[in-house]
Structure formats: structure tokens, C-alpha cells
Amino acid sequence: MERRNAEGYHDPTAYGGMRMAERKAEKETVKMVYKNGRMELYIHEFFPCRLAVAKKVFPLIRRFAKDEDKEKLKQFLRIKAREHSGKVRAFSEKAESLTAKSEEWHFYRRKAREEQIIYNQCVKNLKLLENGGKRE
């Protein structure tokens, strides 16, 4: 990254902004370097992922990612799992307080199911990351 802009003028503001963005991106990625190339996955956009994708990417992460990146991903998935389990509980409780089969009841039941799916993805992603998906 150069301190000069495209026209060749000194531009410390743009340089500082780009440096901050690069540092932020480093904190939010899982980097894997292997002999044929490299891969970076943005944690907040990529995870939790569906099981078919997870079965392909987690062996690569376990093998080629640094330990601190793996730990960062575990922490993220744990936080996301807690967050979504709380939302499942809240939406389910709201649905129970409403008249059954009403429009609002259907809305909150659907929201609870959507959050449950994301929670299940987080839990399955964590299992695949921690023990390779092997049964204990």
C-alpha cells in the first residue's frame, strides 16, 4: 500500500483508512495457505455454512489454518449459537402467547424455525471444526 494516490500526490488520509480496513479484515478472516495456493474466508459472511459446504471446507481449515484463526472461528460460532438459541426461545415464547393459527402466530413460528436452522448450522459447524465431525 502506497502513501500516494493514483495521481501521485501524498494522501495520508486514504493510506490510514486502507490500513485500518486491512487490519479489520485480518481479524475477521480465516486464512489457509497450502502448497498450491491460498484461501481466505470472511468469518461474518461465510459462517455458519450449510453442511455440504462445511464438509468440504472444515478439513481444509483444520489442516491449513493457523491455531489462532481456528480459535477465532470457534469463538464466533459459539457466540452465534448462543445468540440464535436466544432468538429461538424468544420467538417461540411470543408465538405461545398468541392465539393459535393466527397470522402473528404463524409469523413468530416461522421466525423461530429460521433461527433454529441457523442455530443448528452453528452447532454442526462447531462439531466439524472441533473433532472433524467424528462421533464421540
N, C-alpha and C. Protein backbone atom coordinates (compact mmCIF):
# COMPACT_ATOMS: atom_id res chain seq x y z
N MET A 1 0.85 -1.18 0.00
CA MET A 1 0.00 0.00 0.00
C MET A 1 0.88 1.23 0.00
N GLU A 2 0.67 2.08 -0.96
CA GLU A 2 1.46 3.30 -1.09
C GLU A 2 0.78 4.45 -0.34
N ARG A 3 1.58 5.40 0.08
CA ARG A 3 1.05 6.60 0.72
C ARG A 3 0.60 7.64 -0.30
N ARG A 4 0.79 7.34 -1.56
CA ARG A 4 0.40 8.28 -2.61
C ARG A 4 -0.83 7.76 -3.33
N ASN A 5 -1.66 8.68 -3.80
CA ASN A 5 -2.87 8.27 -4.51
C ASN A 5 -2.55 7.97 -5.98
N ALA A 6 -3.59 7.72 -6.79
CA ALA A 6 -3.39 7.33 -8.19
C ALA A 6 -2.70 8.40 -9.02
N GLU A 7 -2.92 9.68 -8.65
CA GLU A 7 -2.28 10.77 -9.38
C GLU A 7 -0.85 11.03 -8.92
N GLY A 8 -0.42 10.38 -7.86
CA GLY A 8 0.93 10.54 -7.38
C GLY A 8 1.09 11.52 -6.23
N TYR A 9 -0.02 12.08 -5.76
CA TYR A 9 0.04 13.02 -4.64
C TYR A 9 0.04 12.29 -3.31
N HIS A 10 0.72 12.88 -2.33
CA HIS A 10 0.77 12.32 -0.98
C HIS A 10 -0.64 12.36 -0.37
N ASP A 11 -1.15 11.20 0.10
CA ASP A 11 -2.52 11.12 0.61
C ASP A 11 -2.55 10.29 1.90
N PRO A 12 -2.19 10.88 3.05
CA PRO A 12 -2.14 10.12 4.29
C PRO A 12 -3.51 9.65 4.79
N THR A 13 -4.56 10.38 4.47
CA THR A 13 -5.89 10.00 4.94
C THR A 13 -6.34 8.69 4.30
N ALA A 14 -6.22 8.59 3.00
CA ALA A 14 -6.59 7.36 2.31
C ALA A 14 -5.71 6.20 2.76
N TYR A 15 -4.41 6.48 2.93
CA TYR A 15 -3.49 5.44 3.38
C TYR A 15 -3.92 4.92 4.75
N GLY A 16 -4.22 5.84 5.68
CA GLY A 16 -4.64 5.43 7.02
C GLY A 16 -5.93 4.63 7.00
N GLY A 17 -6.88 5.07 6.16
CA GLY A 17 -8.15 4.35 6.05
C GLY A 17 -7.96 2.95 5.50
N MET A 18 -7.13 2.81 4.49
CA MET A 18 -6.88 1.49 3.91
C MET A 18 -6.16 0.58 4.90
N ARG A 19 -5.23 1.13 5.66
CA ARG A 19 -4.52 0.33 6.67
C ARG A 19 -5.49 -0.17 7.73
N MET A 20 -6.40 0.69 8.16
CA MET A 20 -7.39 0.29 9.16
C MET A 20 -8.30 -0.80 8.60
N ALA A 21 -8.70 -0.66 7.35
CA ALA A 21 -9.56 -1.67 6.72
C ALA A 21 -8.83 -3.00 6.59
N GLU A 22 -7.54 -2.96 6.26
CA GLU A 22 -6.76 -4.20 6.15
C GLU A 22 -6.64 -4.88 7.50
N ARG A 23 -6.40 -4.09 8.55
CA ARG A 23 -6.28 -4.69 9.89
C ARG A 23 -7.60 -5.30 10.32
N LYS A 24 -8.71 -4.62 10.03
CA LYS A 24 -10.02 -5.14 10.38
C LYS A 24 -10.29 -6.43 9.63
N ALA A 25 -9.95 -6.46 8.34
CA ALA A 25 -10.16 -7.66 7.53
C ALA A 25 -9.33 -8.83 8.06
N GLU A 26 -8.11 -8.55 8.55
CA GLU A 26 -7.27 -9.61 9.09
C GLU A 26 -7.92 -10.26 10.30
N LYS A 27 -8.60 -9.49 11.12
CA LYS A 27 -9.23 -10.02 12.32
C LYS A 27 -10.44 -10.88 12.00
N GLU A 28 -11.05 -10.64 10.86
CA GLU A 28 -12.31 -11.30 10.55
C GLU A 28 -12.19 -12.39 9.48
N THR A 29 -10.98 -12.88 9.24
CA THR A 29 -10.81 -13.91 8.21
C THR A 29 -10.13 -15.15 8.79
N VAL A 30 -10.36 -16.24 8.10
CA VAL A 30 -9.62 -17.47 8.36
C VAL A 30 -8.76 -17.66 7.12
N LYS A 31 -7.44 -17.63 7.32
CA LYS A 31 -6.51 -17.75 6.20
C LYS A 31 -5.92 -19.14 6.18
N MET A 32 -5.87 -19.70 4.98
CA MET A 32 -5.27 -21.01 4.79
C MET A 32 -4.26 -20.90 3.66
N VAL A 33 -3.06 -21.38 3.91
CA VAL A 33 -2.01 -21.36 2.89
C VAL A 33 -1.54 -22.80 2.71
N TYR A 34 -1.62 -23.27 1.49
CA TYR A 34 -1.16 -24.62 1.17
C TYR A 34 -0.28 -24.55 -0.06
N LYS A 35 0.33 -25.65 -0.45
CA LYS A 35 1.37 -25.59 -1.47
C LYS A 35 0.87 -25.14 -2.84
N ASN A 36 -0.39 -25.36 -3.16
CA ASN A 36 -0.91 -24.96 -4.47
C ASN A 36 -1.61 -23.61 -4.46
N GLY A 37 -1.70 -22.95 -3.33
CA GLY A 37 -2.38 -21.67 -3.29
C GLY A 37 -2.77 -21.26 -1.88
N ARG A 38 -3.75 -20.39 -1.81
CA ARG A 38 -4.22 -19.91 -0.53
C ARG A 38 -5.70 -19.57 -0.62
N MET A 39 -6.33 -19.47 0.55
CA MET A 39 -7.75 -19.16 0.61
C MET A 39 -8.00 -18.32 1.86
N GLU A 40 -8.87 -17.33 1.74
CA GLU A 40 -9.30 -16.54 2.87
C GLU A 40 -10.82 -16.58 2.92
N LEU A 41 -11.35 -16.90 4.09
CA LEU A 41 -12.79 -16.92 4.28
C LEU A 41 -13.16 -15.83 5.28
N TYR A 42 -14.08 -14.96 4.89
CA TYR A 42 -14.55 -13.92 5.81
C TYR A 42 -15.56 -14.54 6.76
N ILE A 43 -15.20 -14.53 8.02
CA ILE A 43 -15.98 -15.24 9.04
C ILE A 43 -17.43 -14.78 9.08
N HIS A 44 -17.67 -13.48 9.12
CA HIS A 44 -19.03 -12.98 9.29
C HIS A 44 -19.91 -13.22 8.07
N GLU A 45 -19.32 -13.35 6.89
CA GLU A 45 -20.12 -13.59 5.70
C GLU A 45 -20.27 -15.08 5.38
N PHE A 46 -19.27 -15.87 5.69
CA PHE A 46 -19.26 -17.27 5.25
C PHE A 46 -19.89 -18.23 6.27
N PHE A 47 -19.76 -17.92 7.54
CA PHE A 47 -20.21 -18.84 8.59
C PHE A 47 -21.43 -18.30 9.31
N PRO A 48 -22.31 -19.16 9.80
CA PRO A 48 -22.32 -20.62 9.65
C PRO A 48 -22.71 -21.00 8.23
N CYS A 49 -22.17 -22.10 7.77
CA CYS A 49 -22.44 -22.54 6.40
C CYS A 49 -23.22 -23.86 6.43
N ARG A 50 -23.80 -24.18 5.30
CA ARG A 50 -24.57 -25.42 5.18
C ARG A 50 -23.65 -26.63 5.31
N LEU A 51 -24.21 -27.75 5.66
CA LEU A 51 -23.44 -28.95 5.96
C LEU A 51 -22.62 -29.43 4.75
N ALA A 52 -23.18 -29.36 3.56
CA ALA A 52 -22.45 -29.81 2.37
C ALA A 52 -21.18 -28.98 2.16
N VAL A 53 -21.28 -27.68 2.36
CA VAL A 53 -20.11 -26.80 2.23
C VAL A 53 -19.16 -27.05 3.39
N ALA A 54 -19.70 -27.18 4.58
CA ALA A 54 -18.87 -27.38 5.78
C ALA A 54 -18.02 -28.64 5.67
N LYS A 55 -18.58 -29.70 5.12
CA LYS A 55 -17.83 -30.95 4.99
C LYS A 55 -16.64 -30.81 4.05
N LYS A 56 -16.69 -29.84 3.15
CA LYS A 56 -15.58 -29.60 2.24
C LYS A 56 -14.56 -28.64 2.83
N VAL A 57 -15.03 -27.61 3.52
CA VAL A 57 -14.13 -26.55 3.95
C VAL A 57 -13.47 -26.82 5.31
N PHE A 58 -14.14 -27.51 6.22
CA PHE A 58 -13.55 -27.70 7.54
C PHE A 58 -12.32 -28.61 7.57
N PRO A 59 -12.24 -29.65 6.72
CA PRO A 59 -10.97 -30.39 6.67
C PRO A 59 -9.80 -29.49 6.24
N LEU A 60 -10.07 -28.57 5.31
CA LEU A 60 -9.02 -27.64 4.90
C LEU A 60 -8.65 -26.70 6.05
N ILE A 61 -9.64 -26.21 6.77
CA ILE A 61 -9.37 -25.32 7.89
C ILE A 61 -8.56 -26.03 8.96
N ARG A 62 -8.98 -27.25 9.31
CA ARG A 62 -8.25 -28.00 10.35
C ARG A 62 -6.81 -28.27 9.93
N ARG A 63 -6.59 -28.47 8.65
CA ARG A 63 -5.26 -28.83 8.18
C ARG A 63 -4.36 -27.63 7.92
N PHE A 64 -4.90 -26.55 7.33
CA PHE A 64 -4.05 -25.47 6.84
C PHE A 64 -4.17 -24.14 7.58
N ALA A 65 -5.20 -23.94 8.40
CA ALA A 65 -5.36 -22.66 9.09
C ALA A 65 -4.51 -22.62 10.35
N LYS A 66 -4.14 -21.42 10.75
CA LYS A 66 -3.38 -21.24 11.99
C LYS A 66 -4.29 -21.48 13.18
N ASP A 67 -3.68 -21.85 14.30
CA ASP A 67 -4.45 -22.14 15.51
C ASP A 67 -5.26 -20.94 15.97
N GLU A 68 -4.69 -19.73 15.88
CA GLU A 68 -5.44 -18.55 16.33
C GLU A 68 -6.65 -18.28 15.43
N ASP A 69 -6.56 -18.60 14.14
CA ASP A 69 -7.71 -18.45 13.25
C ASP A 69 -8.79 -19.49 13.59
N LYS A 70 -8.37 -20.69 13.89
CA LYS A 70 -9.33 -21.73 14.29
C LYS A 70 -10.05 -21.33 15.57
N GLU A 71 -9.29 -20.81 16.53
CA GLU A 71 -9.87 -20.39 17.80
C GLU A 71 -10.84 -19.21 17.61
N LYS A 72 -10.46 -18.29 16.74
CA LYS A 72 -11.32 -17.14 16.43
C LYS A 72 -12.64 -17.63 15.83
N LEU A 73 -12.57 -18.61 14.95
CA LEU A 73 -13.77 -19.16 14.32
C LEU A 73 -14.63 -19.90 15.35
N LYS A 74 -14.00 -20.66 16.23
CA LYS A 74 -14.76 -21.35 17.29
C LYS A 74 -15.51 -20.36 18.16
N GLN A 75 -14.82 -19.29 18.56
CA GLN A 75 -15.46 -18.27 19.40
C GLN A 75 -16.64 -17.65 18.67
N PHE A 76 -16.46 -17.33 17.40
CA PHE A 76 -17.54 -16.74 16.61
C PHE A 76 -18.75 -17.68 16.55
N LEU A 77 -18.51 -18.96 16.27
CA LEU A 77 -19.61 -19.92 16.17
C LEU A 77 -20.30 -20.13 17.50
N ARG A 78 -19.55 -20.14 18.60
CA ARG A 78 -20.18 -20.26 19.92
C ARG A 78 -21.08 -19.07 20.22
N ILE A 79 -20.59 -17.87 19.92
CA ILE A 79 -21.38 -16.67 20.17
C ILE A 79 -22.64 -16.68 19.30
N LYS A 80 -22.48 -17.02 18.03
CA LYS A 80 -23.63 -17.08 17.13
C LYS A 80 -24.66 -18.13 17.60
N ALA A 81 -24.19 -19.27 18.07
CA ALA A 81 -25.10 -20.31 18.55
C ALA A 81 -25.91 -19.80 19.74
N ARG A 82 -25.23 -19.15 20.69
CA ARG A 82 -25.95 -18.59 21.85
C ARG A 82 -26.96 -17.53 21.42
N GLU A 83 -26.54 -16.69 20.51
CA GLU A 83 -27.41 -15.62 20.02
C GLU A 83 -28.67 -16.18 19.37
N HIS A 84 -28.51 -17.17 18.51
CA HIS A 84 -29.66 -17.72 17.79
C HIS A 84 -30.53 -18.61 18.67
N SER A 85 -29.94 -19.28 19.66
CA SER A 85 -30.78 -20.06 20.57
C SER A 85 -31.66 -19.13 21.40
N GLY A 86 -31.13 -17.96 21.77
CA GLY A 86 -31.93 -16.97 22.49
C GLY A 86 -33.07 -16.45 21.63
N LYS A 87 -32.81 -16.24 20.35
CA LYS A 87 -33.86 -15.77 19.45
C LYS A 87 -34.93 -16.83 19.25
N VAL A 88 -34.52 -18.10 19.16
CA VAL A 88 -35.49 -19.20 19.03
C VAL A 88 -36.42 -19.19 20.23
N ARG A 89 -35.82 -19.10 21.40
CA ARG A 89 -36.61 -19.09 22.63
C ARG A 89 -37.57 -17.90 22.66
N ALA A 90 -37.08 -16.72 22.31
CA ALA A 90 -37.92 -15.51 22.34
C ALA A 90 -39.08 -15.60 21.35
N PHE A 91 -38.80 -16.04 20.13
CA PHE A 91 -39.86 -16.15 19.13
C PHE A 91 -40.87 -17.23 19.51
N SER A 92 -40.39 -18.33 20.07
CA SER A 92 -41.30 -19.41 20.48
C SER A 92 -42.21 -18.95 21.61
N GLU A 93 -41.64 -18.24 22.58
CA GLU A 93 -42.45 -17.73 23.69
C GLU A 93 -43.48 -16.73 23.20
N LYS A 94 -43.09 -15.88 22.27
CA LYS A 94 -44.03 -14.91 21.71
C LYS A 94 -45.16 -15.62 20.99
N ALA A 95 -44.85 -16.67 20.22
CA ALA A 95 -45.87 -17.43 19.50
C ALA A 95 -46.83 -18.11 20.47
N GLU A 96 -46.29 -18.64 21.58
CA GLU A 96 -47.15 -19.32 22.56
C GLU A 96 -48.13 -18.35 23.23
N SER A 97 -47.73 -17.08 23.32
CA SER A 97 -48.60 -16.11 23.98
C SER A 97 -49.72 -15.61 23.05
N LEU A 98 -49.68 -15.97 21.79
CA LEU A 98 -50.67 -15.52 20.82
C LEU A 98 -51.72 -16.59 20.55
N THR A 99 -52.79 -16.18 19.91
CA THR A 99 -53.84 -17.12 19.54
C THR A 99 -53.32 -18.07 18.48
N ALA A 100 -53.53 -19.36 18.70
CA ALA A 100 -53.02 -20.36 17.76
C ALA A 100 -53.63 -20.16 16.38
N LYS A 101 -52.81 -20.38 15.38
CA LYS A 101 -53.18 -20.30 13.96
C LYS A 101 -53.52 -18.89 13.48
N SER A 102 -53.23 -17.88 14.28
CA SER A 102 -53.44 -16.51 13.81
C SER A 102 -52.27 -16.11 12.91
N GLU A 103 -52.41 -14.98 12.24
CA GLU A 103 -51.36 -14.53 11.32
C GLU A 103 -50.07 -14.24 12.08
N GLU A 104 -50.18 -13.59 13.24
CA GLU A 104 -48.99 -13.30 14.05
C GLU A 104 -48.35 -14.58 14.57
N TRP A 105 -49.18 -15.53 14.97
CA TRP A 105 -48.67 -16.81 15.47
C TRP A 105 -47.83 -17.49 14.40
N HIS A 106 -48.32 -17.52 13.16
CA HIS A 106 -47.57 -18.12 12.05
C HIS A 106 -46.26 -17.37 11.81
N PHE A 107 -46.30 -16.05 11.90
CA PHE A 107 -45.10 -15.25 11.70
C PHE A 107 -44.02 -15.62 12.71
N TYR A 108 -44.38 -15.66 14.00
CA TYR A 108 -43.37 -15.95 15.03
C TYR A 108 -42.91 -17.40 15.00
N ARG A 109 -43.79 -18.32 14.61
CA ARG A 109 -43.36 -19.72 14.46
C ARG A 109 -42.35 -19.84 13.32
N ARG A 110 -42.61 -19.13 12.22
CA ARG A 110 -41.68 -19.15 11.08
C ARG A 110 -40.34 -18.54 11.47
N LYS A 111 -40.35 -17.42 12.19
CA LYS A 111 -39.10 -16.79 12.63
C LYS A 111 -38.34 -17.74 13.56
N ALA A 112 -39.04 -18.44 14.44
CA ALA A 112 -38.39 -19.39 15.34
C ALA A 112 -37.75 -20.53 14.56
N ARG A 113 -38.43 -21.02 13.53
CA ARG A 113 -37.85 -22.10 12.70
C ARG A 113 -36.61 -21.61 11.95
N GLU A 114 -36.66 -20.39 11.42
CA GLU A 114 -35.49 -19.84 10.72
C GLU A 114 -34.29 -19.72 11.65
N GLU A 115 -34.53 -19.23 12.86
CA GLU A 115 -33.44 -19.10 13.83
C GLU A 115 -32.93 -20.47 14.27
N GLN A 116 -33.83 -21.46 14.36
CA GLN A 116 -33.43 -22.82 14.73
C GLN A 116 -32.51 -23.41 13.67
N ILE A 117 -32.79 -23.15 12.41
CA ILE A 117 -31.94 -23.64 11.33
C ILE A 117 -30.53 -23.06 11.44
N ILE A 118 -30.44 -21.76 11.69
CA ILE A 118 -29.14 -21.13 11.82
C ILE A 118 -28.41 -21.65 13.05
N TYR A 119 -29.13 -21.84 14.15
CA TYR A 119 -28.54 -22.41 15.36
C TYR A 119 -27.97 -23.80 15.07
N ASN A 120 -28.75 -24.64 14.39
CA ASN A 120 -28.29 -25.99 14.06
C ASN A 120 -27.04 -25.95 13.18
N GLN A 121 -26.98 -25.01 12.24
CA GLN A 121 -25.79 -24.86 11.40
C GLN A 121 -24.58 -24.50 12.25
N CYS A 122 -24.76 -23.60 13.20
CA CYS A 122 -23.65 -23.21 14.09
C CYS A 122 -23.13 -24.42 14.87
N VAL A 123 -24.04 -25.18 15.43
CA VAL A 123 -23.65 -26.34 16.23
C VAL A 123 -22.93 -27.38 15.38
N LYS A 124 -23.45 -27.66 14.19
CA LYS A 124 -22.81 -28.64 13.30
C LYS A 124 -21.45 -28.14 12.82
N ASN A 125 -21.35 -26.84 12.52
CA ASN A 125 -20.06 -26.26 12.12
C ASN A 125 -19.04 -26.40 13.24
N LEU A 126 -19.48 -26.14 14.47
CA LEU A 126 -18.57 -26.27 15.62
C LEU A 126 -18.08 -27.69 15.78
N LYS A 127 -18.99 -28.67 15.66
CA LYS A 127 -18.59 -30.08 15.79
C LYS A 127 -17.58 -30.47 14.71
N LEU A 128 -17.83 -30.03 13.49
CA LEU A 128 -16.89 -30.35 12.41
C LEU A 128 -15.54 -29.69 12.62
N LEU A 129 -15.54 -28.50 13.19
CA LEU A 129 -14.28 -27.80 13.44
C LEU A 129 -13.51 -28.43 14.59
N GLU A 130 -14.21 -28.79 15.65
CA GLU A 130 -13.55 -29.28 16.85
C GLU A 130 -13.06 -30.73 16.73
N ASN A 131 -13.89 -31.60 16.21
CA ASN A 131 -13.48 -33.01 16.20
C ASN A 131 -13.61 -33.67 14.83
N GLY A 132 -13.70 -32.87 13.80
CA GLY A 132 -13.75 -33.44 12.46
C GLY A 132 -15.06 -34.11 12.14
N GLY A 133 -16.10 -33.86 12.94
CA GLY A 133 -17.39 -34.45 12.69
C GLY A 133 -17.48 -35.91 13.11
N LYS A 134 -16.43 -36.41 13.75
CA LYS A 134 -16.45 -37.81 14.20
C LYS A 134 -17.33 -37.93 15.41
N ARG A 135 -17.99 -39.05 15.50
CA ARG A 135 -18.85 -39.30 16.66
C ARG A 135 -18.00 -39.57 17.88
N GLU A 136 -18.47 -39.04 18.99
CA GLU A 136 -17.69 -39.19 20.23
C GLU A 136 -18.00 -40.49 20.93
